[in-house]
Amino acid sequence: MSDKILPEVHVLLPTLETPTLTKADLSEMLFDRLGLNKRESKDMVEAFFELVHETLDQGQDVKLSGFGNFQIRRKAPRPGRNPRTGEAIPIAERHVVTFHASQKLKGMVQGDLPTEEELE
């Protein structure tokens, strides 16, 4: 057997216990880290998401450096079926939001790149 110590691997598997980051959590982080008051923190988070929403609504992409890109894609109409009855139904043309993670984010999630805490 080898006496090598393997590096610790951070793996997040989807479970019911995996915490979700919420707008309230983001507001709390701004309050704790930047010293903004709670109202300013909440307003800043709301303004950010409102701006992202409006930009996507206008058909423009949103690019967040080091995080990823949100894009609007047009999906063509296509035939579908009701899985319960098997009845054929048309699926109308629609627009969907897609997210593509940046290489930096992918590397951090895979454990290939050091996290912010590890850099300090």
PDB file of N, CA and C in Angstrom:
ATOM      1  N   MET A   1       0.833  -1.194   0.000  1.00  0.00           N
ATOM      2  CA  MET A   1       0.000   0.000   0.000  1.00  0.00           C
ATOM      3  C   MET A   1       0.868   1.245   0.000  1.00  0.00           C
ATOM      4  N   SER A   2       0.384   2.260  -0.608  1.00  0.00           N
ATOM      5  CA  SER A   2       1.105   3.523  -0.691  1.00  0.00           C
ATOM      6  C   SER A   2       0.757   4.397   0.510  1.00  0.00           C
ATOM      7  N   ASP A   3       1.754   5.156   0.967  1.00  0.00           N
ATOM      8  CA  ASP A   3       1.532   6.081   2.073  1.00  0.00           C
ATOM      9  C   ASP A   3       1.144   7.471   1.580  1.00  0.00           C
ATOM     10  N   LYS A   4       0.835   7.602   0.292  1.00  0.00           N
ATOM     11  CA  LYS A   4       0.467   8.898  -0.274  1.00  0.00           C
ATOM     12  C   LYS A   4      -0.863   9.368   0.302  1.00  0.00           C
ATOM     13  N   ILE A   5      -0.923  10.627   0.592  1.00  0.00           N
ATOM     14  CA  ILE A   5      -2.171  11.231   1.064  1.00  0.00           C
ATOM     15  C   ILE A   5      -2.854  11.852  -0.138  1.00  0.00           C
ATOM     16  N   LEU A   6      -4.056  11.409  -0.417  1.00  0.00           N
ATOM     17  CA  LEU A   6      -4.802  11.947  -1.557  1.00  0.00           C
ATOM     18  C   LEU A   6      -5.418  13.277  -1.182  1.00  0.00           C
ATOM     19  N   PRO A   7      -5.477  14.209  -2.150  1.00  0.00           N
ATOM     20  CA  PRO A   7      -6.097  15.506  -1.846  1.00  0.00           C
ATOM     21  C   PRO A   7      -7.583  15.334  -1.560  1.00  0.00           C
ATOM     22  N   GLU A   8      -8.072  16.199  -0.682  1.00  0.00           N
ATOM     23  CA  GLU A   8      -9.487  16.171  -0.335  1.00  0.00           C
ATOM     24  C   GLU A   8     -10.296  16.638  -1.538  1.00  0.00           C
ATOM     25  N   VAL A   9     -11.334  15.905  -1.867  1.00  0.00           N
ATOM     26  CA  VAL A   9     -12.175  16.237  -3.009  1.00  0.00           C
ATOM     27  C   VAL A   9     -13.511  16.728  -2.488  1.00  0.00           C
ATOM     28  N   HIS A  10     -13.949  17.890  -2.975  1.00  0.00           N
ATOM     29  CA  HIS A  10     -15.246  18.456  -2.587  1.00  0.00           C
ATOM     30  C   HIS A  10     -16.264  18.042  -3.632  1.00  0.00           C
ATOM     31  N   VAL A  11     -17.177  17.175  -3.255  1.00  0.00           N
ATOM     32  CA  VAL A  11     -18.198  16.704  -4.177  1.00  0.00           C
ATOM     33  C   VAL A  11     -19.558  17.073  -3.608  1.00  0.00           C
ATOM     34  N   LEU A  12     -20.347  17.764  -4.400  1.00  0.00           N
ATOM     35  CA  LEU A  12     -21.709  18.096  -3.990  1.00  0.00           C
ATOM     36  C   LEU A  12     -22.667  17.251  -4.808  1.00  0.00           C
ATOM     37  N   LEU A  13     -23.262  16.285  -4.179  1.00  0.00           N
ATOM     38  CA  LEU A  13     -24.253  15.464  -4.846  1.00  0.00           C
ATOM     39  C   LEU A  13     -25.628  16.019  -4.540  1.00  0.00           C
ATOM     40  N   PRO A  14     -26.513  15.996  -5.526  1.00  0.00           N
ATOM     41  CA  PRO A  14     -27.849  16.526  -5.274  1.00  0.00           C
ATOM     42  C   PRO A  14     -28.600  15.652  -4.276  1.00  0.00           C
ATOM     43  N   THR A  15     -28.906  16.234  -3.139  1.00  0.00           N
ATOM     44  CA  THR A  15     -29.681  15.537  -2.121  1.00  0.00           C
ATOM     45  C   THR A  15     -30.675  16.524  -1.535  1.00  0.00           C
ATOM     46  N   LEU A  16     -31.540  16.023  -0.709  1.00  0.00           N
ATOM     47  CA  LEU A  16     -32.486  16.907  -0.041  1.00  0.00           C
ATOM     48  C   LEU A  16     -31.784  17.804   0.959  1.00  0.00           C
ATOM     49  N   GLU A  17     -30.605  17.387   1.445  1.00  0.00           N
ATOM     50  CA  GLU A  17     -29.879  18.169   2.434  1.00  0.00           C
ATOM     51  C   GLU A  17     -29.006  19.262   1.811  1.00  0.00           C
ATOM     52  N   THR A  18     -28.805  19.242   0.469  1.00  0.00           N
ATOM     53  CA  THR A  18     -27.972  20.246  -0.174  1.00  0.00           C
ATOM     54  C   THR A  18     -28.638  21.608  -0.003  1.00  0.00           C
ATOM     55  N   PRO A  19     -27.973  22.537   0.681  1.00  0.00           N
ATOM     56  CA  PRO A  19     -28.606  23.838   0.908  1.00  0.00           C
ATOM     57  C   PRO A  19     -28.744  24.623  -0.395  1.00  0.00           C
ATOM     58  N   THR A  20     -29.745  25.451  -0.430  1.00  0.00           N
ATOM     59  CA  THR A  20     -30.003  26.307  -1.576  1.00  0.00           C
ATOM     60  C   THR A  20     -29.632  27.729  -1.212  1.00  0.00           C
ATOM     61  N   LEU A  21     -28.916  28.400  -2.095  1.00  0.00           N
ATOM     62  CA  LEU A  21     -28.574  29.802  -1.892  1.00  0.00           C
ATOM     63  C   LEU A  21     -29.766  30.640  -2.351  1.00  0.00           C
ATOM     64  N   THR A  22     -30.315  31.440  -1.451  1.00  0.00           N
ATOM     65  CA  THR A  22     -31.497  32.243  -1.756  1.00  0.00           C
ATOM     66  C   THR A  22     -31.142  33.725  -1.835  1.00  0.00           C
ATOM     67  N   LYS A  23     -32.089  34.511  -2.318  1.00  0.00           N
ATOM     68  CA  LYS A  23     -31.898  35.966  -2.341  1.00  0.00           C
ATOM     69  C   LYS A  23     -31.683  36.490  -0.925  1.00  0.00           C
ATOM     70  N   ALA A  24     -32.406  35.920   0.027  1.00  0.00           N
ATOM     71  CA  ALA A  24     -32.246  36.335   1.424  1.00  0.00           C
ATOM     72  C   ALA A  24     -30.832  36.037   1.912  1.00  0.00           C
ATOM     73  N   ASP A  25     -30.270  34.889   1.504  1.00  0.00           N
ATOM     74  CA  ASP A  25     -28.888  34.545   1.872  1.00  0.00           C
ATOM     75  C   ASP A  25     -27.915  35.554   1.271  1.00  0.00           C
ATOM     76  N   LEU A  26     -28.134  35.909   0.012  1.00  0.00           N
ATOM     77  CA  LEU A  26     -27.262  36.894  -0.640  1.00  0.00           C
ATOM     78  C   LEU A  26     -27.340  38.241   0.074  1.00  0.00           C
ATOM     79  N   SER A  27     -28.540  38.654   0.432  1.00  0.00           N
ATOM     80  CA  SER A  27     -28.718  39.920   1.153  1.00  0.00           C
ATOM     81  C   SER A  27     -27.986  39.882   2.487  1.00  0.00           C
ATOM     82  N   GLU A  28     -28.088  38.760   3.178  1.00  0.00           N
ATOM     83  CA  GLU A  28     -27.427  38.603   4.469  1.00  0.00           C
ATOM     84  C   GLU A  28     -25.906  38.671   4.316  1.00  0.00           C
ATOM     85  N   MET A  29     -25.379  38.078   3.233  1.00  0.00           N
ATOM     86  CA  MET A  29     -23.933  38.134   2.984  1.00  0.00           C
ATOM     87  C   MET A  29     -23.466  39.566   2.726  1.00  0.00           C
ATOM     88  N   LEU A  30     -24.254  40.323   1.964  1.00  0.00           N
ATOM     89  CA  LEU A  30     -23.910  41.734   1.724  1.00  0.00           C
ATOM     90  C   LEU A  30     -23.926  42.510   3.033  1.00  0.00           C
ATOM     91  N   PHE A  31     -24.899  42.230   3.865  1.00  0.00           N
ATOM     92  CA  PHE A  31     -25.000  42.882   5.174  1.00  0.00           C
ATOM     93  C   PHE A  31     -23.771  42.558   6.023  1.00  0.00           C
ATOM     94  N   ASP A  32     -23.402  41.270   6.084  1.00  0.00           N
ATOM     95  CA  ASP A  32     -22.275  40.828   6.914  1.00  0.00           C
ATOM     96  C   ASP A  32     -20.928  41.295   6.381  1.00  0.00           C
ATOM     97  N   ARG A  33     -20.718  41.161   5.079  1.00  0.00           N
ATOM     98  CA  ARG A  33     -19.392  41.403   4.509  1.00  0.00           C
ATOM     99  C   ARG A  33     -19.115  42.850   4.135  1.00  0.00           C
ATOM    100  N   LEU A  34     -20.145  43.563   3.696  1.00  0.00           N
ATOM    101  CA  LEU A  34     -19.926  44.934   3.235  1.00  0.00           C
ATOM    102  C   LEU A  34     -20.407  45.984   4.216  1.00  0.00           C
ATOM    103  N   GLY A  35     -21.154  45.565   5.206  1.00  0.00           N
ATOM    104  CA  GLY A  35     -21.635  46.522   6.195  1.00  0.00           C
ATOM    105  C   GLY A  35     -22.803  47.359   5.729  1.00  0.00           C
ATOM    106  N   LEU A  36     -23.450  46.950   4.631  1.00  0.00           N
ATOM    107  CA  LEU A  36     -24.655  47.663   4.201  1.00  0.00           C
ATOM    108  C   LEU A  36     -25.763  47.351   5.203  1.00  0.00           C
ATOM    109  N   ASN A  37     -26.741  48.265   5.292  1.00  0.00           N
ATOM    110  CA  ASN A  37     -27.859  47.917   6.164  1.00  0.00           C
ATOM    111  C   ASN A  37     -28.736  46.893   5.444  1.00  0.00           C
ATOM    112  N   LYS A  38     -29.626  46.260   6.175  1.00  0.00           N
ATOM    113  CA  LYS A  38     -30.406  45.152   5.620  1.00  0.00           C
ATOM    114  C   LYS A  38     -31.279  45.584   4.446  1.00  0.00           C
ATOM    115  N   ARG A  39     -31.829  46.782   4.535  1.00  0.00           N
ATOM    116  CA  ARG A  39     -32.684  47.284   3.449  1.00  0.00           C
ATOM    117  C   ARG A  39     -31.862  47.498   2.182  1.00  0.00           C
ATOM    118  N   GLU A  40     -30.677  48.117   2.312  1.00  0.00           N
ATOM    119  CA  GLU A  40     -29.800  48.342   1.158  1.00  0.00           C
ATOM    120  C   GLU A  40     -29.361  47.019   0.542  1.00  0.00           C
ATOM    121  N   SER A  41     -29.043  46.048   1.383  1.00  0.00           N
ATOM    122  CA  SER A  41     -28.621  44.734   0.906  1.00  0.00           C
ATOM    123  C   SER A  41     -29.723  44.073   0.093  1.00  0.00           C
ATOM    124  N   LYS A  42     -30.937  44.083   0.637  1.00  0.00           N
ATOM    125  CA  LYS A  42     -32.075  43.477  -0.057  1.00  0.00           C
ATOM    126  C   LYS A  42     -32.346  44.194  -1.376  1.00  0.00           C
ATOM    127  N   ASP A  43     -32.312  45.532  -1.361  1.00  0.00           N
ATOM    128  CA  ASP A  43     -32.555  46.308  -2.574  1.00  0.00           C
ATOM    129  C   ASP A  43     -31.497  46.043  -3.641  1.00  0.00           C
ATOM    130  N   MET A  44     -30.232  45.867  -3.225  1.00  0.00           N
ATOM    131  CA  MET A  44     -29.158  45.622  -4.177  1.00  0.00           C
ATOM    132  C   MET A  44     -29.345  44.265  -4.865  1.00  0.00           C
ATOM    133  N   VAL A  45     -29.691  43.253  -4.095  1.00  0.00           N
ATOM    134  CA  VAL A  45     -29.913  41.928  -4.662  1.00  0.00           C
ATOM    135  C   VAL A  45     -31.111  41.965  -5.608  1.00  0.00           C
ATOM    136  N   GLU A  46     -32.195  42.596  -5.188  1.00  0.00           N
ATOM    137  CA  GLU A  46     -33.384  42.707  -6.040  1.00  0.00           C
ATOM    138  C   GLU A  46     -33.073  43.458  -7.328  1.00  0.00           C
ATOM    139  N   ALA A  47     -32.298  44.539  -7.231  1.00  0.00           N
ATOM    140  CA  ALA A  47     -31.943  45.331  -8.414  1.00  0.00           C
ATOM    141  C   ALA A  47     -31.103  44.506  -9.385  1.00  0.00           C
ATOM    142  N   PHE A  48     -30.181  43.702  -8.860  1.00  0.00           N
ATOM    143  CA  PHE A  48     -29.347  42.862  -9.719  1.00  0.00           C
ATOM    144  C   PHE A  48     -30.209  41.888 -10.510  1.00  0.00           C
ATOM    145  N   PHE A  49     -31.089  41.156  -9.815  1.00  0.00           N
ATOM    146  CA  PHE A  49     -31.907  40.167 -10.509  1.00  0.00           C
ATOM    147  C   PHE A  49     -32.926  40.817 -11.446  1.00  0.00           C
ATOM    148  N   GLU A  50     -33.414  41.980 -11.088  1.00  0.00           N
ATOM    149  CA  GLU A  50     -34.326  42.706 -11.970  1.00  0.00           C
ATOM    150  C   GLU A  50     -33.614  43.106 -13.264  1.00  0.00           C
ATOM    151  N   LEU A  51     -32.369  43.555 -13.144  1.00  0.00           N
ATOM    152  CA  LEU A  51     -31.578  43.943 -14.314  1.00  0.00           C
ATOM    153  C   LEU A  51     -31.309  42.731 -15.210  1.00  0.00           C
ATOM    154  N   VAL A  52     -30.962  41.594 -14.609  1.00  0.00           N
ATOM    155  CA  VAL A  52     -30.735  40.367 -15.388  1.00  0.00           C
ATOM    156  C   VAL A  52     -32.026  39.977 -16.099  1.00  0.00           C
ATOM    157  N   HIS A  53     -33.143  40.008 -15.377  1.00  0.00           N
ATOM    158  CA  HIS A  53     -34.446  39.648 -15.951  1.00  0.00           C
ATOM    159  C   HIS A  53     -34.798  40.559 -17.124  1.00  0.00           C
ATOM    160  N   GLU A  54     -34.662  41.871 -16.948  1.00  0.00           N
ATOM    161  CA  GLU A  54     -34.999  42.820 -18.005  1.00  0.00           C
ATOM    162  C   GLU A  54     -34.115  42.630 -19.233  1.00  0.00           C
ATOM    163  N   THR A  55     -32.829  42.381 -19.006  1.00  0.00           N
ATOM    164  CA  THR A  55     -31.899  42.196 -20.118  1.00  0.00           C
ATOM    165  C   THR A  55     -32.267  40.954 -20.923  1.00  0.00           C
ATOM    166  N   LEU A  56     -32.557  39.849 -20.238  1.00  0.00           N
ATOM    167  CA  LEU A  56     -32.967  38.634 -20.934  1.00  0.00           C
ATOM    168  C   LEU A  56     -34.309  38.820 -21.629  1.00  0.00           C
ATOM    169  N   ASP A  57     -35.219  39.555 -20.991  1.00  0.00           N
ATOM    170  CA  ASP A  57     -36.536  39.820 -21.562  1.00  0.00           C
ATOM    171  C   ASP A  57     -36.427  40.591 -22.869  1.00  0.00           C
ATOM    172  N   GLN A  58     -35.389  41.417 -22.994  1.00  0.00           N
ATOM    173  CA  GLN A  58     -35.145  42.187 -24.227  1.00  0.00           C
ATOM    174  C   GLN A  58     -34.432  41.358 -25.290  1.00  0.00           C
ATOM    175  N   GLY A  59     -34.129  40.092 -24.978  1.00  0.00           N
ATOM    176  CA  GLY A  59     -33.490  39.212 -25.941  1.00  0.00           C
ATOM    177  C   GLY A  59     -31.977  39.306 -25.958  1.00  0.00           C
ATOM    178  N   GLN A  60     -31.389  39.965 -24.972  1.00  0.00           N
ATOM    179  CA  GLN A  60     -29.935  40.111 -24.905  1.00  0.00           C
ATOM    180  C   GLN A  60     -29.352  39.064 -23.964  1.00  0.00           C
ATOM    181  N   ASP A  61     -28.107  38.661 -24.248  1.00  0.00           N
ATOM    182  CA  ASP A  61     -27.403  37.719 -23.382  1.00  0.00           C
ATOM    183  C   ASP A  61     -26.875  38.446 -22.156  1.00  0.00           C
ATOM    184  N   VAL A  62     -26.694  37.702 -21.072  1.00  0.00           N
ATOM    185  CA  VAL A  62     -26.090  38.229 -19.856  1.00  0.00           C
ATOM    186  C   VAL A  62     -24.815  37.439 -19.612  1.00  0.00           C
ATOM    187  N   LYS A  63     -23.684  38.141 -19.581  1.00  0.00           N
ATOM    188  CA  LYS A  63     -22.392  37.497 -19.375  1.00  0.00           C
ATOM    189  C   LYS A  63     -21.801  37.983 -18.067  1.00  0.00           C
ATOM    190  N   LEU A  64     -21.542  37.043 -17.158  1.00  0.00           N
ATOM    191  CA  LEU A  64     -20.944  37.355 -15.865  1.00  0.00           C
ATOM    192  C   LEU A  64     -19.552  36.738 -15.849  1.00  0.00           C
ATOM    193  N   SER A  65     -18.538  37.574 -15.964  1.00  0.00           N
ATOM    194  CA  SER A  65     -17.159  37.128 -16.061  1.00  0.00           C
ATOM    195  C   SER A  65     -16.793  36.218 -14.891  1.00  0.00           C
ATOM    196  N   GLY A  66     -16.202  35.072 -15.203  1.00  0.00           N
ATOM    197  CA  GLY A  66     -15.789  34.124 -14.180  1.00  0.00           C
ATOM    198  C   GLY A  66     -16.927  33.276 -13.638  1.00  0.00           C
ATOM    199  N   PHE A  67     -18.141  33.494 -14.122  1.00  0.00           N
ATOM    200  CA  PHE A  67     -19.297  32.737 -13.643  1.00  0.00           C
ATOM    201  C   PHE A  67     -19.951  31.983 -14.792  1.00  0.00           C
ATOM    202  N   GLY A  68     -20.443  32.721 -15.798  1.00  0.00           N
ATOM    203  CA  GLY A  68     -21.065  32.068 -16.943  1.00  0.00           C
ATOM    204  C   GLY A  68     -21.942  33.005 -17.727  1.00  0.00           C
ATOM    205  N   ASN A  69     -22.648  32.440 -18.697  1.00  0.00           N
ATOM    206  CA  ASN A  69     -23.502  33.209 -19.598  1.00  0.00           C
ATOM    207  C   ASN A  69     -24.936  32.692 -19.557  1.00  0.00           C
ATOM    208  N   PHE A  70     -25.879  33.625 -19.512  1.00  0.00           N
ATOM    209  CA  PHE A  70     -27.291  33.318 -19.666  1.00  0.00           C
ATOM    210  C   PHE A  70     -27.670  33.751 -21.075  1.00  0.00           C
ATOM    211  N   GLN A  71     -28.313  32.857 -21.819  1.00  0.00           N
ATOM    212  CA  GLN A  71     -28.695  33.181 -23.187  1.00  0.00           C
ATOM    213  C   GLN A  71     -30.149  32.809 -23.424  1.00  0.00           C
ATOM    214  N   ILE A  72     -30.775  33.538 -24.342  1.00  0.00           N
ATOM    215  CA  ILE A  72     -32.136  33.232 -24.761  1.00  0.00           C
ATOM    216  C   ILE A  72     -32.037  32.413 -26.047  1.00  0.00           C
ATOM    217  N   ARG A  73     -32.689  31.257 -26.058  1.00  0.00           N
ATOM    218  CA  ARG A  73     -32.716  30.424 -27.254  1.00  0.00           C
ATOM    219  C   ARG A  73     -34.150  30.268 -27.714  1.00  0.00           C
ATOM    220  N   ARG A  74     -34.339  30.269 -29.026  1.00  0.00           N
ATOM    221  CA  ARG A  74     -35.651  30.036 -29.611  1.00  0.00           C
ATOM    222  C   ARG A  74     -35.778  28.552 -29.894  1.00  0.00           C
ATOM    223  N   LYS A  75     -36.844  27.968 -29.415  1.00  0.00           N
ATOM    224  CA  LYS A  75     -37.117  26.562 -29.708  1.00  0.00           C
ATOM    225  C   LYS A  75     -38.260  26.512 -30.715  1.00  0.00           C
ATOM    226  N   ALA A  76     -38.031  25.809 -31.784  1.00  0.00           N
ATOM    227  CA  ALA A  76     -39.013  25.710 -32.869  1.00  0.00           C
ATOM    228  C   ALA A  76     -40.224  24.892 -32.417  1.00  0.00           C
ATOM    229  N   PRO A  77     -41.359  25.128 -33.071  1.00  0.00           N
ATOM    230  CA  PRO A  77     -42.531  24.308 -32.750  1.00  0.00           C
ATOM    231  C   PRO A  77     -42.245  22.850 -33.133  1.00  0.00           C
ATOM    232  N   ARG A  78     -42.871  21.932 -32.384  1.00  0.00           N
ATOM    233  CA  ARG A  78     -42.642  20.519 -32.676  1.00  0.00           C
ATOM    234  C   ARG A  78     -43.837  19.696 -32.202  1.00  0.00           C
ATOM    235  N   PRO A  79     -43.968  18.511 -32.764  1.00  0.00           N
ATOM    236  CA  PRO A  79     -45.063  17.648 -32.294  1.00  0.00           C
ATOM    237  C   PRO A  79     -44.682  17.024 -30.951  1.00  0.00           C
ATOM    238  N   GLY A  80     -45.669  16.838 -30.109  1.00  0.00           N
ATOM    239  CA  GLY A  80     -45.459  16.199 -28.819  1.00  0.00           C
ATOM    240  C   GLY A  80     -46.617  15.268 -28.533  1.00  0.00           C
ATOM    241  N   ARG A  81     -46.613  14.697 -27.352  1.00  0.00           N
ATOM    242  CA  ARG A  81     -47.742  13.840 -26.983  1.00  0.00           C
ATOM    243  C   ARG A  81     -47.967  13.912 -25.485  1.00  0.00           C
ATOM    244  N   ASN A  82     -49.198  13.737 -25.103  1.00  0.00           N
ATOM    245  CA  ASN A  82     -49.572  13.679 -23.699  1.00  0.00           C
ATOM    246  C   ASN A  82     -49.127  12.315 -23.174  1.00  0.00           C
ATOM    247  N   PRO A  83     -48.203  12.277 -22.198  1.00  0.00           N
ATOM    248  CA  PRO A  83     -47.709  10.977 -21.742  1.00  0.00           C
ATOM    249  C   PRO A  83     -48.770  10.116 -21.051  1.00  0.00           C
ATOM    250  N   ARG A  84     -49.787  10.747 -20.515  1.00  0.00           N
ATOM    251  CA  ARG A  84     -50.841   9.997 -19.823  1.00  0.00           C
ATOM    252  C   ARG A  84     -51.789   9.323 -20.818  1.00  0.00           C
ATOM    253  N   THR A  85     -52.181  10.078 -21.875  1.00  0.00           N
ATOM    254  CA  THR A  85     -53.180   9.547 -22.808  1.00  0.00           C
ATOM    255  C   THR A  85     -52.584   9.101 -24.136  1.00  0.00           C
ATOM    256  N   GLY A  86     -51.374   9.554 -24.442  1.00  0.00           N
ATOM    257  CA  GLY A  86     -50.763   9.231 -25.734  1.00  0.00           C
ATOM    258  C   GLY A  86     -51.259  10.119 -26.857  1.00  0.00           C
ATOM    259  N   GLU A  87     -52.160  11.046 -26.539  1.00  0.00           N
ATOM    260  CA  GLU A  87     -52.733  11.943 -27.543  1.00  0.00           C
ATOM    261  C   GLU A  87     -51.657  12.884 -28.090  1.00  0.00           C
ATOM    262  N   ALA A  88     -51.641  13.046 -29.416  1.00  0.00           N
ATOM    263  CA  ALA A  88     -50.686  13.957 -30.052  1.00  0.00           C
ATOM    264  C   ALA A  88     -51.120  15.400 -29.798  1.00  0.00           C
ATOM    265  N   ILE A  89     -50.169  16.226 -29.384  1.00  0.00           N
ATOM    266  CA  ILE A  89     -50.454  17.642 -29.161  1.00  0.00           C
ATOM    267  C   ILE A  89     -49.296  18.457 -29.729  1.00  0.00           C
ATOM    268  N   PRO A  90     -49.600  19.604 -30.316  1.00  0.00           N
ATOM    269  CA  PRO A  90     -48.519  20.443 -30.833  1.00  0.00           C
ATOM    270  C   PRO A  90     -47.867  21.236 -29.691  1.00  0.00           C
ATOM    271  N   ILE A  91     -46.548  21.366 -29.741  1.00  0.00           N
ATOM    272  CA  ILE A  91     -45.822  22.210 -28.792  1.00  0.00           C
ATOM    273  C   ILE A  91     -45.429  23.462 -29.550  1.00  0.00           C
ATOM    274  N   ALA A  92     -45.894  24.602 -29.065  1.00  0.00           N
ATOM    275  CA  ALA A  92     -45.697  25.877 -29.766  1.00  0.00           C
ATOM    276  C   ALA A  92     -44.236  26.329 -29.687  1.00  0.00           C
ATOM    277  N   GLU A  93     -43.902  27.238 -30.597  1.00  0.00           N
ATOM    278  CA  GLU A  93     -42.586  27.882 -30.547  1.00  0.00           C
ATOM    279  C   GLU A  93     -42.460  28.594 -29.216  1.00  0.00           C
ATOM    280  N   ARG A  94     -41.250  28.584 -28.657  1.00  0.00           N
ATOM    281  CA  ARG A  94     -41.059  29.253 -27.376  1.00  0.00           C
ATOM    282  C   ARG A  94     -39.617  29.685 -27.233  1.00  0.00           C
ATOM    283  N   HIS A  95     -39.383  30.535 -26.253  1.00  0.00           N
ATOM    284  CA  HIS A  95     -38.044  30.997 -25.931  1.00  0.00           C
ATOM    285  C   HIS A  95     -37.684  30.451 -24.551  1.00  0.00           C
ATOM    286  N   VAL A  96     -36.437  29.971 -24.412  1.00  0.00           N
ATOM    287  CA  VAL A  96     -35.977  29.432 -23.140  1.00  0.00           C
ATOM    288  C   VAL A  96     -34.661  30.094 -22.757  1.00  0.00           C
ATOM    289  N   VAL A  97     -34.401  30.142 -21.465  1.00  0.00           N
ATOM    290  CA  VAL A  97     -33.132  30.669 -20.961  1.00  0.00           C
ATOM    291  C   VAL A  97     -32.201  29.491 -20.742  1.00  0.00           C
ATOM    292  N   THR A  98     -30.982  29.604 -21.260  1.00  0.00           N
ATOM    293  CA  THR A  98     -29.976  28.575 -21.013  1.00  0.00           C
ATOM    294  C   THR A  98     -28.818  29.202 -20.246  1.00  0.00           C
ATOM    295  N   PHE A  99     -28.122  28.379 -19.484  1.00  0.00           N
ATOM    296  CA  PHE A  99     -26.955  28.847 -18.744  1.00  0.00           C
ATOM    297  C   PHE A  99     -25.776  27.974 -19.106  1.00  0.00           C
ATOM    298  N   HIS A 100     -24.648  28.612 -19.422  1.00  0.00           N
ATOM    299  CA  HIS A 100     -23.405  27.905 -19.693  1.00  0.00           C
ATOM    300  C   HIS A 100     -22.370  28.417 -18.707  1.00  0.00           C
ATOM    301  N   ALA A 101     -21.882  27.537 -17.857  1.00  0.00           N
ATOM    302  CA  ALA A 101     -20.894  27.913 -16.848  1.00  0.00           C
ATOM    303  C   ALA A 101     -19.561  28.239 -17.515  1.00  0.00           C
ATOM    304  N   SER A 102     -18.837  29.197 -16.935  1.00  0.00           N
ATOM    305  CA  SER A 102     -17.510  29.547 -17.445  1.00  0.00           C
ATOM    306  C   SER A 102     -16.529  28.433 -17.100  1.00  0.00           C
ATOM    307  N   GLN A 103     -15.396  28.425 -17.777  1.00  0.00           N
ATOM    308  CA  GLN A 103     -14.361  27.433 -17.482  1.00  0.00           C
ATOM    309  C   GLN A 103     -13.882  27.568 -16.036  1.00  0.00           C
ATOM    310  N   LYS A 104     -13.812  28.806 -15.556  1.00  0.00           N
ATOM    311  CA  LYS A 104     -13.373  29.050 -14.177  1.00  0.00           C
ATOM    312  C   LYS A 104     -14.347  28.409 -13.183  1.00  0.00           C
ATOM    313  N   LEU A 105     -15.635  28.606 -13.389  1.00  0.00           N
ATOM    314  CA  LEU A 105     -16.637  28.022 -12.503  1.00  0.00           C
ATOM    315  C   LEU A 105     -16.612  26.501 -12.596  1.00  0.00           C
ATOM    316  N   LYS A 106     -16.516  25.973 -13.807  1.00  0.00           N
ATOM    317  CA  LYS A 106     -16.446  24.519 -13.976  1.00  0.00           C
ATOM    318  C   LYS A 106     -15.240  23.950 -13.234  1.00  0.00           C
ATOM    319  N   GLY A 107     -14.102  24.625 -13.340  1.00  0.00           N
ATOM    320  CA  GLY A 107     -12.894  24.177 -12.664  1.00  0.00           C
ATOM    321  C   GLY A 107     -13.039  24.191 -11.158  1.00  0.00           C
ATOM    322  N   MET A 108     -13.682  25.230 -10.625  1.00  0.00           N
ATOM    323  CA  MET A 108     -13.885  25.308  -9.171  1.00  0.00           C
ATOM    324  C   MET A 108     -14.818  24.199  -8.693  1.00  0.00           C
ATOM    325  N   VAL A 109     -15.876  23.925  -9.446  1.00  0.00           N
ATOM    326  CA  VAL A 109     -16.829  22.889  -9.066  1.00  0.00           C
ATOM    327  C   VAL A 109     -16.164  21.510  -9.111  1.00  0.00           C
ATOM    328  N   GLN A 110     -15.303  21.302 -10.106  1.00  0.00           N
ATOM    329  CA  GLN A 110     -14.608  20.021 -10.241  1.00  0.00           C
ATOM    330  C   GLN A 110     -13.447  19.884  -9.267  1.00  0.00           C
ATOM    331  N   GLY A 111     -13.061  20.991  -8.611  1.00  0.00           N
ATOM    332  CA  GLY A 111     -11.954  20.945  -7.674  1.00  0.00           C
ATOM    333  C   GLY A 111     -10.607  21.157  -8.344  1.00  0.00           C
ATOM    334  N   ASP A 112     -10.611  21.555  -9.620  1.00  0.00           N
ATOM    335  CA  ASP A 112      -9.373  21.770 -10.359  1.00  0.00           C
ATOM    336  C   ASP A 112      -8.725  23.108 -10.021  1.00  0.00           C
ATOM    337  N   LEU A 113      -9.536  24.095  -9.670  1.00  0.00           N
ATOM    338  CA  LEU A 113      -9.035  25.430  -9.355  1.00  0.00           C
ATOM    339  C   LEU A 113      -9.261  25.715  -7.881  1.00  0.00           C
ATOM    340  N   PRO A 114      -8.365  26.472  -7.249  1.00  0.00           N
ATOM    341  CA  PRO A 114      -8.573  26.811  -5.840  1.00  0.00           C
ATOM    342  C   PRO A 114      -9.767  27.745  -5.684  1.00  0.00           C
ATOM    343  N   THR A 115     -10.498  27.583  -4.590  1.00  0.00           N
ATOM    344  CA  THR A 115     -11.612  28.472  -4.297  1.00  0.00           C
ATOM    345  C   THR A 115     -11.069  29.764  -3.697  1.00  0.00           C
ATOM    346  N   GLU A 116     -11.923  30.766  -3.555  1.00  0.00           N
ATOM    347  CA  GLU A 116     -11.528  32.048  -2.975  1.00  0.00           C
ATOM    348  C   GLU A 116     -10.928  31.852  -1.577  1.00  0.00           C
ATOM    349  N   GLU A 117     -11.548  30.968  -0.771  1.00  0.00           N
ATOM    350  CA  GLU A 117     -11.076  30.735   0.595  1.00  0.00           C
ATOM    351  C   GLU A 117      -9.699  30.100   0.605  1.00  0.00           C
ATOM    352  N   GLU A 118      -9.424  29.223  -0.352  1.00  0.00           N
ATOM    353  CA  GLU A 118      -8.132  28.553  -0.408  1.00  0.00           C
ATOM    354  C   GLU A 118      -7.025  29.502  -0.848  1.00  0.00           C
ATOM    355  N   LEU A 119      -7.388  30.570  -1.556  1.00  0.00           N
ATOM    356  CA  LEU A 119      -6.400  31.547  -2.014  1.00  0.00           C
ATOM    357  C   LEU A 119      -5.952  32.467  -0.894  1.00  0.00           C
ATOM    358  N   GLU A 120      -6.774  32.635   0.141  1.00  0.00           N
ATOM    359  CA  GLU A 120      -6.459  33.563   1.218  1.00  0.00           C
ATOM    360  C   GLU A 120      -5.447  33.003   2.178  1.00  0.00           C
TER     361      GLU A 120
END
